[in-house]
Protein backbone atom coordinates (compact mmCIF):
# COMPACT_ATOMS: atom_id res chain seq x y z
CA MET A 1 84.04 73.03 123.96
CA LYS A 2 85.80 74.92 121.14
CA ARG A 3 85.23 71.84 118.89
CA ARG A 4 81.48 71.73 119.62
CA LEU A 5 81.35 75.46 118.82
CA LEU A 6 83.24 74.87 115.56
CA LEU A 7 80.96 72.10 114.54
CA THR A 8 77.80 74.26 115.00
CA LEU A 9 78.91 77.45 113.82
CA PRO A 10 78.32 76.79 109.88
CA GLY A 11 74.71 76.08 110.88
CA TRP A 12 74.36 79.29 112.69
CA ILE A 13 75.80 81.20 109.89
CA ALA A 14 73.48 79.44 107.47
CA PHE A 15 70.53 80.37 109.79
CA ALA A 16 71.63 83.92 109.88
CA GLY A 17 71.78 84.14 106.00
CA VAL A 18 68.11 82.56 105.95
CA ALA A 19 66.73 85.10 108.65
CA ARG A 20 68.59 87.92 106.77
CA ALA A 21 66.70 87.19 103.49
CA ALA A 22 63.32 87.85 105.23
CA PRO A 23 61.55 91.07 105.34
CA PRO A 24 61.59 92.62 108.93
CA ASP A 25 57.75 92.15 109.23
CA ALA A 26 57.93 88.30 108.36
CA PRO A 27 56.34 86.13 111.14
CA GLY A 28 59.26 84.64 113.20
CA GLY A 29 61.77 86.76 111.24
CA THR A 30 62.63 84.15 108.69
CA GLY A 31 60.91 83.72 105.39
CA TYR A 32 60.99 82.77 101.73
CA LYS A 33 59.80 85.70 99.15
CA VAL A 34 57.52 85.00 95.93
CA THR A 35 57.31 88.22 93.80
CA LEU A 36 54.15 89.27 91.98
CA GLU A 37 56.01 88.82 88.68
CA GLN A 38 56.69 85.17 89.66
CA LEU A 39 53.07 84.42 90.49
CA GLN A 40 51.90 86.19 87.17
CA GLN A 41 54.28 84.04 85.17
CA ALA A 42 53.34 80.90 86.94
CA LEU A 43 49.54 81.50 86.33
CA ALA A 44 50.06 82.29 82.58
CA GLN A 45 51.71 79.01 82.10
CA ARG A 46 48.25 77.13 83.17
CA PHE A 47 46.05 79.21 80.73
CA PRO A 48 44.00 79.57 78.61
CA ARG A 49 41.55 77.12 79.93
CA ARG A 50 38.27 75.65 78.16
CA TYR A 51 35.15 74.66 80.00
CA GLU A 52 32.01 73.10 78.26
CA MET A 53 28.58 73.58 79.82
CA GLY A 54 27.05 70.59 78.04
CA SER A 55 26.53 71.09 74.64
CA LEU A 56 24.96 74.66 75.13
CA LEU A 57 27.94 76.83 76.06
CA ASN A 58 31.67 76.92 75.83
CA LEU A 59 33.85 79.10 77.81
CA ASN A 60 37.59 80.02 77.14
CA VAL A 61 39.16 81.64 80.15
CA GLN A 62 42.36 83.65 79.42
CA ALA A 63 45.46 83.92 81.78
CA PRO A 64 44.21 86.07 84.93
CA ARG A 65 45.91 89.24 85.87
CA VAL A 66 46.99 88.99 89.67
CA ARG A 67 46.57 91.56 92.09
CA LEU A 68 47.89 91.68 95.91
CA LEU A 69 45.36 92.16 98.43
CA PRO A 70 47.47 92.39 101.74
CA GLU A 71 44.73 93.92 103.81
CA LEU A 72 42.90 90.50 103.35
CA ASN A 73 45.90 88.21 102.95
CA ARG A 74 44.62 87.10 99.71
CA LEU A 75 45.33 87.34 96.13
CA GLY A 76 42.69 88.76 93.55
CA THR A 77 42.62 87.98 89.74
CA GLU A 78 40.49 89.20 86.80
CA MET A 79 40.13 86.65 84.19
CA VAL A 80 38.91 87.49 80.63
CA VAL A 81 36.32 84.90 79.51
CA ASP A 82 34.89 84.21 76.03
CA ALA A 83 31.47 82.65 75.84
CA ALA A 84 30.35 80.82 72.68
CA GLY A 85 27.88 77.98 71.71
CA PRO A 86 24.49 77.06 70.41
CA ALA A 87 22.88 78.86 73.46
CA LEU A 88 24.20 82.18 72.28
CA ALA A 89 23.35 84.20 69.19
CA ARG A 90 26.94 85.25 69.08
CA THR A 91 30.37 85.14 71.00
CA SER A 92 30.32 87.18 74.18
CA THR A 93 33.27 88.33 76.18
CA GLY A 94 33.25 89.31 79.93
CA THR A 95 35.37 88.83 83.04
CA PHE A 96 35.46 86.90 86.20
CA ASP A 97 36.77 88.80 89.38
CA VAL A 98 37.69 86.56 91.91
CA ASP A 99 39.69 86.41 95.10
CA PHE A 100 41.60 83.44 97.07
CA ALA A 101 43.49 82.41 99.88
CA LEU A 102 46.86 80.33 99.43
CA ARG A 103 48.01 77.00 100.87
CA TYR A 104 51.26 75.22 100.84
CA GLU A 105 51.49 71.70 99.64
CA ALA A 106 54.18 69.80 101.29
CA SER A 107 53.88 66.61 98.93
CA ASP A 108 54.96 68.68 95.93
CA GLN A 109 56.29 71.88 97.43
CA THR A 110 53.76 74.03 95.96
CA LEU A 111 51.69 77.12 96.68
CA ARG A 112 48.17 76.80 95.59
CA ALA A 113 44.89 78.61 95.33
CA HIS A 114 42.03 77.74 97.67
CA GLN A 115 38.84 79.33 99.21
CA ILE A 116 37.97 80.89 95.76
CA ARG A 117 35.38 83.66 96.01
CA LEU A 118 33.75 85.23 93.06
CA ASN A 119 33.33 88.88 93.53
CA ALA A 120 31.78 89.69 90.18
CA LEU A 121 30.99 88.37 86.63
CA ARG A 122 30.47 90.86 83.83
CA LEU A 123 29.39 90.05 80.54
CA ASP A 124 29.39 92.32 77.44
CA ASP A 125 26.12 92.14 75.07
CA MET A 126 24.86 88.64 76.25
CA ALA A 127 21.13 88.04 76.07
CA PRO A 128 19.21 87.77 79.41
CA GLY A 129 18.54 83.93 79.18
CA PRO A 130 22.27 82.86 78.54
CA ALA A 131 23.66 85.42 80.95
CA ALA A 132 21.33 84.23 83.84
CA LEU A 133 22.46 80.76 83.07
CA LEU A 134 26.05 81.74 83.12
CA GLN A 135 25.50 83.79 86.44
CA ALA A 136 24.07 80.56 87.99
CA TYR A 137 27.13 78.70 87.12
CA ALA A 138 29.71 81.41 87.75
CA PRO A 139 30.84 80.53 91.25
CA THR A 140 31.42 77.02 89.94
CA LEU A 141 33.07 77.95 87.09
CA ALA A 142 35.43 80.45 88.80
CA SER A 143 36.23 77.74 91.39
CA GLN A 144 37.30 75.31 88.70
CA ALA A 145 39.07 77.69 86.78
CA LEU A 146 41.28 78.27 89.88
CA LYS A 147 40.91 75.32 92.20
CA GLU A 148 44.16 74.35 93.31
CA VAL A 149 45.97 76.03 90.51
CA VAL A 150 49.56 75.89 91.51
CA LEU A 151 51.04 79.60 91.89
CA HIS A 152 54.41 78.83 92.50
CA LYS A 153 56.70 75.65 93.07
CA LEU A 154 59.53 75.93 95.61
CA LYS A 155 62.75 74.32 94.07
CA PRO A 156 64.54 71.66 96.05
CA GLN A 157 67.69 74.14 96.38
CA ASP A 158 65.07 76.69 97.92
CA LEU A 159 64.43 74.48 100.78
CA MET A 160 67.56 72.50 101.19
CA LEU A 161 69.15 74.89 103.65
CA THR A 162 66.05 75.37 105.61
CA ASP A 163 65.47 71.56 105.64
CA GLY A 164 68.96 71.00 107.14
CA LEU A 165 68.01 73.68 109.82
CA GLY A 166 64.86 71.80 110.65
CA LEU A 167 62.56 74.28 109.19
CA GLU A 168 59.68 74.13 106.93
CA PRO A 169 57.20 76.47 104.96
CA GLY A 170 54.43 77.63 107.35
CA SER A 171 51.92 80.43 107.06
CA ILE A 172 51.70 82.54 103.91
CA THR A 173 51.52 86.32 104.26
CA VAL A 174 50.41 88.57 101.24
CA THR A 175 52.50 91.56 101.07
CA ALA A 176 52.42 94.83 99.20
CA LYS A 177 55.19 93.43 96.97
CA GLY A 178 54.26 89.59 96.94
CA LEU A 179 54.29 86.79 99.20
CA THR A 180 56.29 85.79 102.25
CA ILE A 181 56.20 82.38 103.42
CA ALA A 182 57.13 81.78 107.16
CA LEU A 183 59.85 79.18 107.97
CA VAL A 184 58.89 77.47 111.14
CA PRO A 185 60.31 74.39 112.99
CA LYS A 186 59.29 71.12 111.41
CA LYS A 187 56.49 69.27 113.20
CA MET A 188 57.76 66.21 114.95
CA LEU A 189 55.81 63.01 113.95
């Protein structure tokens, strides 16, 4: 009996360490945290991006500023966009304002944007014709700019302990300080 207790004790100590690392409001009491700063840094590495709309218009999308929307369990971003090309008399600058949900991709241990919604597209000094064209394509462009963008990659050492305990990342909760990824029992195949 004592031997069995000694063999399982390290696992329970490790589990207690994982549980203690989670905020008190995390689902199931365990979780992995990602800060707003980590999210911002990951996005900055994937921008600027360039999109061409045929030979008429080119868009350069700058790195988004991330904001936490805990009341919606989503993230929001505002992206500066520069529009130029033959369809425009001159270069115009504006902003995309979007929000999105998050999902965990187990194959590469990443958090990704999905369910992208365009809230607003604001353009400075753009003629009505090109502005209407850009407004028509805005939801597609916003989706392309963020679709499946990796916001955070968990490192193998981040998951080594939880994997050994039979846990895996589950639901993602947006909090006032960042994200909490619940650690849930692995699904049996």
